[in-house]
Amino acid sequence: MIFEQKYRVGIEDIDKDNMITSKAILKMFEDMACFHAATLGQGPTEVYKNGYAWILSNWQIKVFKRSFYCDTITVRTWPKKFDKVTSLRDYEIVNEDGEILAIGTSRWFIMDINTRRPLRITEEYFKPYLPLTEKNSFEKIEKIEEPETSEYSYKTEYVVIRRDIDSNKHMHNINYLDVALEIIPEEVFENNKFDEISIEYKKELMYKDKVDCYYCEKNGKNIVMMKTDDKVNAIISLS
């Protein structure tokens, strides 16, 4: 089952070159996943009625060509696999000529909103998404090669603020990308669009958490690791 919607690239979606940002692409992908779930009674407004929420654990995207301000694009999403613990969902963006501009994949799990613990994905949860499609954006989610602590070139601190918190009462997943883009060196940021992004979420961050953020460049990838109390919260790879 493929779910799609047209978007017009707006002013908040573009960078200094009037081109769509990777953050905007991630936001569109996330919106589409939530819109799709909402049409099936599993969206954000149903969280407290259902007692559970879909929570993201991985992002992986690749941009082939960037659209510009005012361009009309179509964003598509579809669930492609369920197991007892996680669900995989893919994405693509096409222009008005049908050219694929970007692709993405993501891994989700279901969290009990009261215990903050994962739930088994039962047939009741995934039945509304059937039938599944065999269409693939990526064959699999690639694991980020995590550097040793000694490989990181510098460290700084970030404090989770109010605007980071989402409807699930933790730091919103796209805001991790914001932090990573602040952490990387200025010359790296200014000279890259970051057409390939991977994010692994490991431990949720809450309001006022103090986060140690580490940066290094390894094998052509810019890696940012976020930790609290020596536990990794997220790893972000940008290239």
C-alpha atoms as a PDB file:
ATOM      1  CA  MET A   1       0.000   0.000   0.000  1.00  0.00           C
ATOM      2  CA  ILE A   2       1.691   3.211  -1.211  1.00  0.00           C
ATOM      3  CA  PHE A   3       0.585   6.489   0.368  1.00  0.00           C
ATOM      4  CA  GLU A   4       1.486   9.748  -1.386  1.00  0.00           C
ATOM      5  CA  GLN A   5       0.997  13.483  -1.238  1.00  0.00           C
ATOM      6  CA  LYS A   6       2.099  16.504  -3.231  1.00  0.00           C
ATOM      7  CA  TYR A   7       4.223  19.211  -1.600  1.00  0.00           C
ATOM      8  CA  ARG A   8       5.300  22.621  -2.783  1.00  0.00           C
ATOM      9  CA  VAL A   9       8.791  23.477  -1.549  1.00  0.00           C
ATOM     10  CA  GLY A  10       8.423  26.433   0.827  1.00  0.00           C
ATOM     11  CA  ILE A  11      10.703  29.089   2.239  1.00  0.00           C
ATOM     12  CA  GLU A  12      11.489  27.133   5.410  1.00  0.00           C
ATOM     13  CA  ASP A  13      12.471  24.107   3.299  1.00  0.00           C
ATOM     14  CA  ILE A  14      15.411  25.723   1.488  1.00  0.00           C
ATOM     15  CA  ASP A  15      19.010  26.737   2.136  1.00  0.00           C
ATOM     16  CA  LYS A  16      21.056  29.745   1.016  1.00  0.00           C
ATOM     17  CA  ASP A  17      21.114  28.315  -2.536  1.00  0.00           C
ATOM     18  CA  ASN A  18      17.299  28.039  -2.658  1.00  0.00           C
ATOM     19  CA  MET A  19      17.621  24.233  -2.649  1.00  0.00           C
ATOM     20  CA  ILE A  20      15.668  21.870  -0.432  1.00  0.00           C
ATOM     21  CA  THR A  21      17.554  20.867   2.716  1.00  0.00           C
ATOM     22  CA  SER A  22      18.068  17.361   4.032  1.00  0.00           C
ATOM     23  CA  LYS A  23      16.170  18.393   7.148  1.00  0.00           C
ATOM     24  CA  ALA A  24      13.157  19.354   5.028  1.00  0.00           C
ATOM     25  CA  ILE A  25      13.306  15.990   3.263  1.00  0.00           C
ATOM     26  CA  LEU A  26      13.386  14.164   6.594  1.00  0.00           C
ATOM     27  CA  LYS A  27      10.465  16.239   7.840  1.00  0.00           C
ATOM     28  CA  MET A  28       8.418  15.395   4.744  1.00  0.00           C
ATOM     29  CA  PHE A  29       9.217  11.711   5.119  1.00  0.00           C
ATOM     30  CA  GLU A  30       8.202  11.778   8.771  1.00  0.00           C
ATOM     31  CA  ASP A  31       5.011  13.705   8.022  1.00  0.00           C
ATOM     32  CA  MET A  32       4.046  11.138   5.415  1.00  0.00           C
ATOM     33  CA  ALA A  33       4.578   8.232   7.814  1.00  0.00           C
ATOM     34  CA  CYS A  34       2.412   9.975  10.432  1.00  0.00           C
ATOM     35  CA  PHE A  35      -0.264  10.993   7.917  1.00  0.00           C
ATOM     36  CA  HIS A  36      -0.454   7.402   6.687  1.00  0.00           C
ATOM     37  CA  ALA A  37      -0.741   6.060  10.237  1.00  0.00           C
ATOM     38  CA  ALA A  38      -3.396   8.669  11.051  1.00  0.00           C
ATOM     39  CA  THR A  39      -5.616   7.524   8.169  1.00  0.00           C
ATOM     40  CA  LEU A  40      -5.539   4.067   9.783  1.00  0.00           C
ATOM     41  CA  GLY A  41      -6.300   5.221  13.333  1.00  0.00           C
ATOM     42  CA  GLN A  42      -2.700   5.045  14.587  1.00  0.00           C
ATOM     43  CA  GLY A  43      -1.593   8.661  14.280  1.00  0.00           C
ATOM     44  CA  PRO A  44      -0.377  11.143  16.906  1.00  0.00           C
ATOM     45  CA  THR A  45      -3.910  12.191  17.927  1.00  0.00           C
ATOM     46  CA  GLU A  46      -4.761   8.578  18.798  1.00  0.00           C
ATOM     47  CA  VAL A  47      -1.716   8.005  21.050  1.00  0.00           C
ATOM     48  CA  TYR A  48      -3.456   8.485  24.395  1.00  0.00           C
ATOM     49  CA  LYS A  49      -6.567   6.627  23.302  1.00  0.00           C
ATOM     50  CA  ASN A  50      -4.537   3.654  22.021  1.00  0.00           C
ATOM     51  CA  GLY A  51      -1.918   3.759  24.790  1.00  0.00           C
ATOM     52  CA  TYR A  52       0.986   3.385  22.375  1.00  0.00           C
ATOM     53  CA  ALA A  53       2.991   5.370  19.836  1.00  0.00           C
ATOM     54  CA  TRP A  54       5.108   4.518  16.804  1.00  0.00           C
ATOM     55  CA  ILE A  55       8.710   5.506  17.657  1.00  0.00           C
ATOM     56  CA  LEU A  56      11.560   5.896  15.197  1.00  0.00           C
ATOM     57  CA  SER A  57      14.819   3.996  15.715  1.00  0.00           C
ATOM     58  CA  ASN A  58      16.628   4.553  12.374  1.00  0.00           C
ATOM     59  CA  TRP A  59      16.728   6.917   9.413  1.00  0.00           C
ATOM     60  CA  GLN A  60      18.655   6.410   6.189  1.00  0.00           C
ATOM     61  CA  ILE A  61      18.279   8.762   3.225  1.00  0.00           C
ATOM     62  CA  LYS A  62      20.007   9.442  -0.068  1.00  0.00           C
ATOM     63  CA  VAL A  63      19.473  12.531  -2.220  1.00  0.00           C
ATOM     64  CA  PHE A  64      20.108  12.267  -5.968  1.00  0.00           C
ATOM     65  CA  LYS A  65      18.915  15.719  -7.019  1.00  0.00           C
ATOM     66  CA  ARG A  66      17.620  18.650  -4.985  1.00  0.00           C
ATOM     67  CA  SER A  67      14.458  20.521  -5.822  1.00  0.00           C
ATOM     68  CA  PHE A  68      14.225  24.303  -5.583  1.00  0.00           C
ATOM     69  CA  TYR A  69      11.946  26.847  -3.958  1.00  0.00           C
ATOM     70  CA  CYS A  70       8.354  26.659  -5.294  1.00  0.00           C
ATOM     71  CA  ASP A  71       8.945  23.307  -7.032  1.00  0.00           C
ATOM     72  CA  THR A  72       6.064  20.836  -6.752  1.00  0.00           C
ATOM     73  CA  ILE A  73       7.140  17.365  -5.675  1.00  0.00           C
ATOM     74  CA  THR A  74       5.375  14.135  -4.746  1.00  0.00           C
ATOM     75  CA  VAL A  75       6.395  12.315  -1.570  1.00  0.00           C
ATOM     76  CA  ARG A  76       5.559   8.611  -1.258  1.00  0.00           C
ATOM     77  CA  THR A  77       5.799   6.134   1.583  1.00  0.00           C
ATOM     78  CA  TRP A  78       4.953   2.485   2.155  1.00  0.00           C
ATOM     79  CA  PRO A  79       5.528  -0.087   4.917  1.00  0.00           C
ATOM     80  CA  LYS A  80       7.490  -3.028   3.581  1.00  0.00           C
ATOM     81  CA  LYS A  81       8.145  -5.391   6.477  1.00  0.00           C
ATOM     82  CA  PHE A  82       6.970  -6.231   9.992  1.00  0.00           C
ATOM     83  CA  ASP A  83       8.424  -8.564  12.567  1.00  0.00           C
ATOM     84  CA  LYS A  84       7.656  -9.084  16.249  1.00  0.00           C
ATOM     85  CA  VAL A  85       9.552  -5.978  17.329  1.00  0.00           C
ATOM     86  CA  THR A  86      10.078  -3.549  14.428  1.00  0.00           C
ATOM     87  CA  SER A  87       8.541  -2.275  11.211  1.00  0.00           C
ATOM     88  CA  LEU A  88      10.380  -1.013   8.123  1.00  0.00           C
ATOM     89  CA  ARG A  89       9.020   1.856   6.033  1.00  0.00           C
ATOM     90  CA  ASP A  90      10.437   3.252   2.773  1.00  0.00           C
ATOM     91  CA  TYR A  91      10.077   6.594   1.006  1.00  0.00           C
ATOM     92  CA  GLU A  92      10.776   8.389  -2.249  1.00  0.00           C
ATOM     93  CA  ILE A  93      10.412  11.883  -3.667  1.00  0.00           C
ATOM     94  CA  VAL A  94       9.716  12.424  -7.365  1.00  0.00           C
ATOM     95  CA  ASN A  95       9.407  15.589  -9.428  1.00  0.00           C
ATOM     96  CA  GLU A  96       6.620  16.407 -11.862  1.00  0.00           C
ATOM     97  CA  ASP A  97       8.434  14.445 -14.588  1.00  0.00           C
ATOM     98  CA  GLY A  98       8.503  11.325 -12.402  1.00  0.00           C
ATOM     99  CA  GLU A  99      12.259  11.555 -11.785  1.00  0.00           C
ATOM    100  CA  ILE A 100      13.327  10.142  -8.407  1.00  0.00           C
ATOM    101  CA  LEU A 101      14.973  12.935  -6.405  1.00  0.00           C
ATOM    102  CA  ALA A 102      15.503  11.217  -3.048  1.00  0.00           C
ATOM    103  CA  ILE A 103      14.895   7.909  -1.301  1.00  0.00           C
ATOM    104  CA  GLY A 104      14.718   6.888   2.320  1.00  0.00           C
ATOM    105  CA  THR A 105      14.112   4.033   4.688  1.00  0.00           C
ATOM    106  CA  SER A 106      13.302   3.896   8.385  1.00  0.00           C
ATOM    107  CA  ARG A 107      12.830   1.448  11.241  1.00  0.00           C
ATOM    108  CA  TRP A 108      10.074   1.886  13.827  1.00  0.00           C
ATOM    109  CA  PHE A 109       8.895   0.175  16.990  1.00  0.00           C
ATOM    110  CA  ILE A 110       5.795   0.540  19.163  1.00  0.00           C
ATOM    111  CA  MET A 111       6.244   2.101  22.612  1.00  0.00           C
ATOM    112  CA  ASP A 112       3.864   1.880  25.560  1.00  0.00           C
ATOM    113  CA  ILE A 113       3.416   5.571  26.424  1.00  0.00           C
ATOM    114  CA  ASN A 114       3.080   4.854  30.146  1.00  0.00           C
ATOM    115  CA  THR A 115       5.975   2.429  30.707  1.00  0.00           C
ATOM    116  CA  ARG A 116       8.159   3.910  27.892  1.00  0.00           C
ATOM    117  CA  ARG A 117       8.993   0.341  26.890  1.00  0.00           C
ATOM    118  CA  PRO A 118       8.651  -1.412  23.489  1.00  0.00           C
ATOM    119  CA  LEU A 119       5.624  -3.578  22.738  1.00  0.00           C
ATOM    120  CA  ARG A 120       5.373  -6.643  20.517  1.00  0.00           C
ATOM    121  CA  ILE A 121       3.978  -5.817  17.085  1.00  0.00           C
ATOM    122  CA  THR A 122       0.893  -7.984  16.828  1.00  0.00           C
ATOM    123  CA  GLU A 123      -1.313  -8.656  13.819  1.00  0.00           C
ATOM    124  CA  GLU A 124      -3.774  -6.123  15.259  1.00  0.00           C
ATOM    125  CA  TYR A 125      -1.216  -3.339  14.834  1.00  0.00           C
ATOM    126  CA  PHE A 126      -0.009  -4.080  11.301  1.00  0.00           C
ATOM    127  CA  LYS A 127      -3.139  -5.536   9.687  1.00  0.00           C
ATOM    128  CA  PRO A 128      -4.417  -2.066   8.585  1.00  0.00           C
ATOM    129  CA  TYR A 129      -1.210  -1.590   6.525  1.00  0.00           C
ATOM    130  CA  LEU A 130      -1.697  -4.716   4.426  1.00  0.00           C
ATOM    131  CA  PRO A 131      -1.136  -5.611   1.680  1.00  0.00           C
ATOM    132  CA  LEU A 132       2.604  -4.869   1.816  1.00  0.00           C
ATOM    133  CA  THR A 133       4.500  -3.892  -1.319  1.00  0.00           C
ATOM    134  CA  GLU A 134       7.770  -5.456  -2.474  1.00  0.00           C
ATOM    135  CA  LYS A 135       9.068  -2.063  -3.642  1.00  0.00           C
ATOM    136  CA  ASN A 136      12.433  -1.200  -2.009  1.00  0.00           C
ATOM    137  CA  SER A 137      14.227   2.116  -1.646  1.00  0.00           C
ATOM    138  CA  PHE A 138      17.100   0.382   0.152  1.00  0.00           C
ATOM    139  CA  GLU A 139      17.714  -3.341   0.499  1.00  0.00           C
ATOM    140  CA  LYS A 140      18.585  -2.854   4.171  1.00  0.00           C
ATOM    141  CA  ILE A 141      19.504  -0.251   6.775  1.00  0.00           C
ATOM    142  CA  GLU A 142      23.272  -0.013   6.991  1.00  0.00           C
ATOM    143  CA  LYS A 143      24.708   0.099  10.502  1.00  0.00           C
ATOM    144  CA  ILE A 144      26.857   3.162  11.204  1.00  0.00           C
ATOM    145  CA  GLU A 145      30.476   2.271  11.861  1.00  0.00           C
ATOM    146  CA  GLU A 146      30.867   3.673  15.361  1.00  0.00           C
ATOM    147  CA  PRO A 147      34.283   5.272  16.019  1.00  0.00           C
ATOM    148  CA  GLU A 148      36.241   4.633  19.182  1.00  0.00           C
ATOM    149  CA  THR A 149      35.997   7.439  21.737  1.00  0.00           C
ATOM    150  CA  SER A 150      39.665   8.280  21.116  1.00  0.00           C
ATOM    151  CA  GLU A 151      38.919   8.942  17.423  1.00  0.00           C
ATOM    152  CA  TYR A 152      36.620  11.889  18.078  1.00  0.00           C
ATOM    153  CA  SER A 153      38.387  15.171  17.447  1.00  0.00           C
ATOM    154  CA  TYR A 154      36.373  17.321  19.797  1.00  0.00           C
ATOM    155  CA  LYS A 155      33.518  17.351  22.303  1.00  0.00           C
ATOM    156  CA  THR A 156      30.903  19.897  23.343  1.00  0.00           C
ATOM    157  CA  GLU A 157      27.734  19.957  25.422  1.00  0.00           C
ATOM    158  CA  TYR A 158      24.121  20.472  24.381  1.00  0.00           C
ATOM    159  CA  VAL A 159      21.144  20.975  26.714  1.00  0.00           C
ATOM    160  CA  VAL A 160      17.725  19.802  25.494  1.00  0.00           C
ATOM    161  CA  ILE A 161      15.383  22.797  25.399  1.00  0.00           C
ATOM    162  CA  ARG A 162      11.600  23.180  25.214  1.00  0.00           C
ATOM    163  CA  ARG A 163      11.411  23.520  21.452  1.00  0.00           C
ATOM    164  CA  ASP A 164      13.159  20.137  21.074  1.00  0.00           C
ATOM    165  CA  ILE A 165      10.303  18.261  22.775  1.00  0.00           C
ATOM    166  CA  ASP A 166       7.568  16.630  20.685  1.00  0.00           C
ATOM    167  CA  SER A 167       4.116  15.142  21.306  1.00  0.00           C
ATOM    168  CA  ASN A 168       5.707  11.989  22.744  1.00  0.00           C
ATOM    169  CA  LYS A 169       7.376  14.125  25.446  1.00  0.00           C
ATOM    170  CA  HIS A 170      10.939  13.458  24.306  1.00  0.00           C
ATOM    171  CA  MET A 171      13.399  15.134  21.938  1.00  0.00           C
ATOM    172  CA  HIS A 172      11.980  15.085  18.448  1.00  0.00           C
ATOM    173  CA  ASN A 173      13.925  12.849  16.059  1.00  0.00           C
ATOM    174  CA  ILE A 174      14.664  15.539  13.460  1.00  0.00           C
ATOM    175  CA  ASN A 175      16.137  17.803  16.128  1.00  0.00           C
ATOM    176  CA  TYR A 176      19.009  15.338  16.513  1.00  0.00           C
ATOM    177  CA  LEU A 177      19.975  16.303  12.960  1.00  0.00           C
ATOM    178  CA  ASP A 178      19.846  19.977  13.971  1.00  0.00           C
ATOM    179  CA  VAL A 179      22.300  19.279  16.797  1.00  0.00           C
ATOM    180  CA  ALA A 180      24.625  17.331  14.490  1.00  0.00           C
ATOM    181  CA  LEU A 181      24.655  20.174  11.961  1.00  0.00           C
ATOM    182  CA  GLU A 182      25.621  22.590  14.744  1.00  0.00           C
ATOM    183  CA  ILE A 183      28.407  20.304  15.979  1.00  0.00           C
ATOM    184  CA  ILE A 184      30.258  19.710  12.704  1.00  0.00           C
ATOM    185  CA  PRO A 185      33.045  22.171  11.733  1.00  0.00           C
ATOM    186  CA  GLU A 186      32.012  25.311   9.865  1.00  0.00           C
ATOM    187  CA  GLU A 187      34.114  24.508   6.799  1.00  0.00           C
ATOM    188  CA  VAL A 188      32.502  21.067   6.533  1.00  0.00           C
ATOM    189  CA  PHE A 189      29.000  22.512   6.869  1.00  0.00           C
ATOM    190  CA  GLU A 190      29.584  25.276   4.317  1.00  0.00           C
ATOM    191  CA  ASN A 191      30.981  22.945   1.648  1.00  0.00           C
ATOM    192  CA  ASN A 192      28.510  20.061   1.821  1.00  0.00           C
ATOM    193  CA  LYS A 193      24.835  19.422   1.148  1.00  0.00           C
ATOM    194  CA  PHE A 194      24.981  16.029   2.926  1.00  0.00           C
ATOM    195  CA  ASP A 195      23.237  13.866   0.343  1.00  0.00           C
ATOM    196  CA  GLU A 196      23.558  10.749   2.499  1.00  0.00           C
ATOM    197  CA  ILE A 197      22.366  10.736   6.101  1.00  0.00           C
ATOM    198  CA  SER A 198      21.964   7.921   8.603  1.00  0.00           C
ATOM    199  CA  ILE A 199      20.716   8.270  12.169  1.00  0.00           C
ATOM    200  CA  GLU A 200      20.531   5.596  14.850  1.00  0.00           C
ATOM    201  CA  TYR A 201      18.430   6.437  17.901  1.00  0.00           C
ATOM    202  CA  LYS A 202      19.410   4.407  20.962  1.00  0.00           C
ATOM    203  CA  LYS A 203      18.129   6.142  24.104  1.00  0.00           C
ATOM    204  CA  GLU A 204      15.534   8.906  24.231  1.00  0.00           C
ATOM    205  CA  LEU A 205      16.430  12.396  25.407  1.00  0.00           C
ATOM    206  CA  MET A 206      14.145  14.406  27.684  1.00  0.00           C
ATOM    207  CA  TYR A 207      13.741  18.088  28.504  1.00  0.00           C
ATOM    208  CA  LYS A 208      16.805  19.613  30.224  1.00  0.00           C
ATOM    209  CA  ASP A 209      19.021  16.583  29.603  1.00  0.00           C
ATOM    210  CA  LYS A 210      22.682  17.577  29.299  1.00  0.00           C
ATOM    211  CA  VAL A 211      24.176  15.808  26.302  1.00  0.00           C
ATOM    212  CA  ASP A 212      27.852  15.273  25.494  1.00  0.00           C
ATOM    213  CA  CYS A 213      28.310  15.622  21.726  1.00  0.00           C
ATOM    214  CA  TYR A 214      31.384  14.206  19.983  1.00  0.00           C
ATOM    215  CA  TYR A 215      32.522  14.791  16.380  1.00  0.00           C
ATOM    216  CA  CYS A 216      34.976  13.095  14.045  1.00  0.00           C
ATOM    217  CA  GLU A 217      35.537  12.457  10.343  1.00  0.00           C
ATOM    218  CA  LYS A 218      36.054   8.788   9.490  1.00  0.00           C
ATOM    219  CA  ASN A 219      36.197   7.108   6.085  1.00  0.00           C
ATOM    220  CA  GLY A 220      34.705  10.147   4.361  1.00  0.00           C
ATOM    221  CA  LYS A 221      31.779  10.406   6.773  1.00  0.00           C
ATOM    222  CA  ASN A 222      31.122  13.035   9.413  1.00  0.00           C
ATOM    223  CA  ILE A 223      30.079  11.277  12.606  1.00  0.00           C
ATOM    224  CA  VAL A 224      28.362  12.874  15.589  1.00  0.00           C
ATOM    225  CA  MET A 225      27.705  10.843  18.734  1.00  0.00           C
ATOM    226  CA  MET A 226      25.391  12.065  21.511  1.00  0.00           C
ATOM    227  CA  LYS A 227      25.773  10.631  25.024  1.00  0.00           C
ATOM    228  CA  THR A 228      24.288  11.128  28.480  1.00  0.00           C
ATOM    229  CA  ASP A 229      25.791   9.456  31.551  1.00  0.00           C
ATOM    230  CA  ASP A 230      28.102   7.397  29.320  1.00  0.00           C
ATOM    231  CA  LYS A 231      25.127   5.908  27.418  1.00  0.00           C
ATOM    232  CA  VAL A 232      24.815   6.610  23.697  1.00  0.00           C
ATOM    233  CA  ASN A 233      21.594   8.411  22.784  1.00  0.00           C
ATOM    234  CA  ALA A 234      22.187   8.663  19.043  1.00  0.00           C
ATOM    235  CA  ILE A 235      24.774   8.394  16.291  1.00  0.00           C
ATOM    236  CA  ILE A 236      24.466  10.542  13.169  1.00  0.00           C
ATOM    237  CA  SER A 237      26.425  10.039   9.942  1.00  0.00           C
ATOM    238  CA  LEU A 238      26.567  12.800   7.310  1.00  0.00           C
ATOM    239  CA  SER A 239      28.283  12.621   3.933  1.00  0.00           C
END
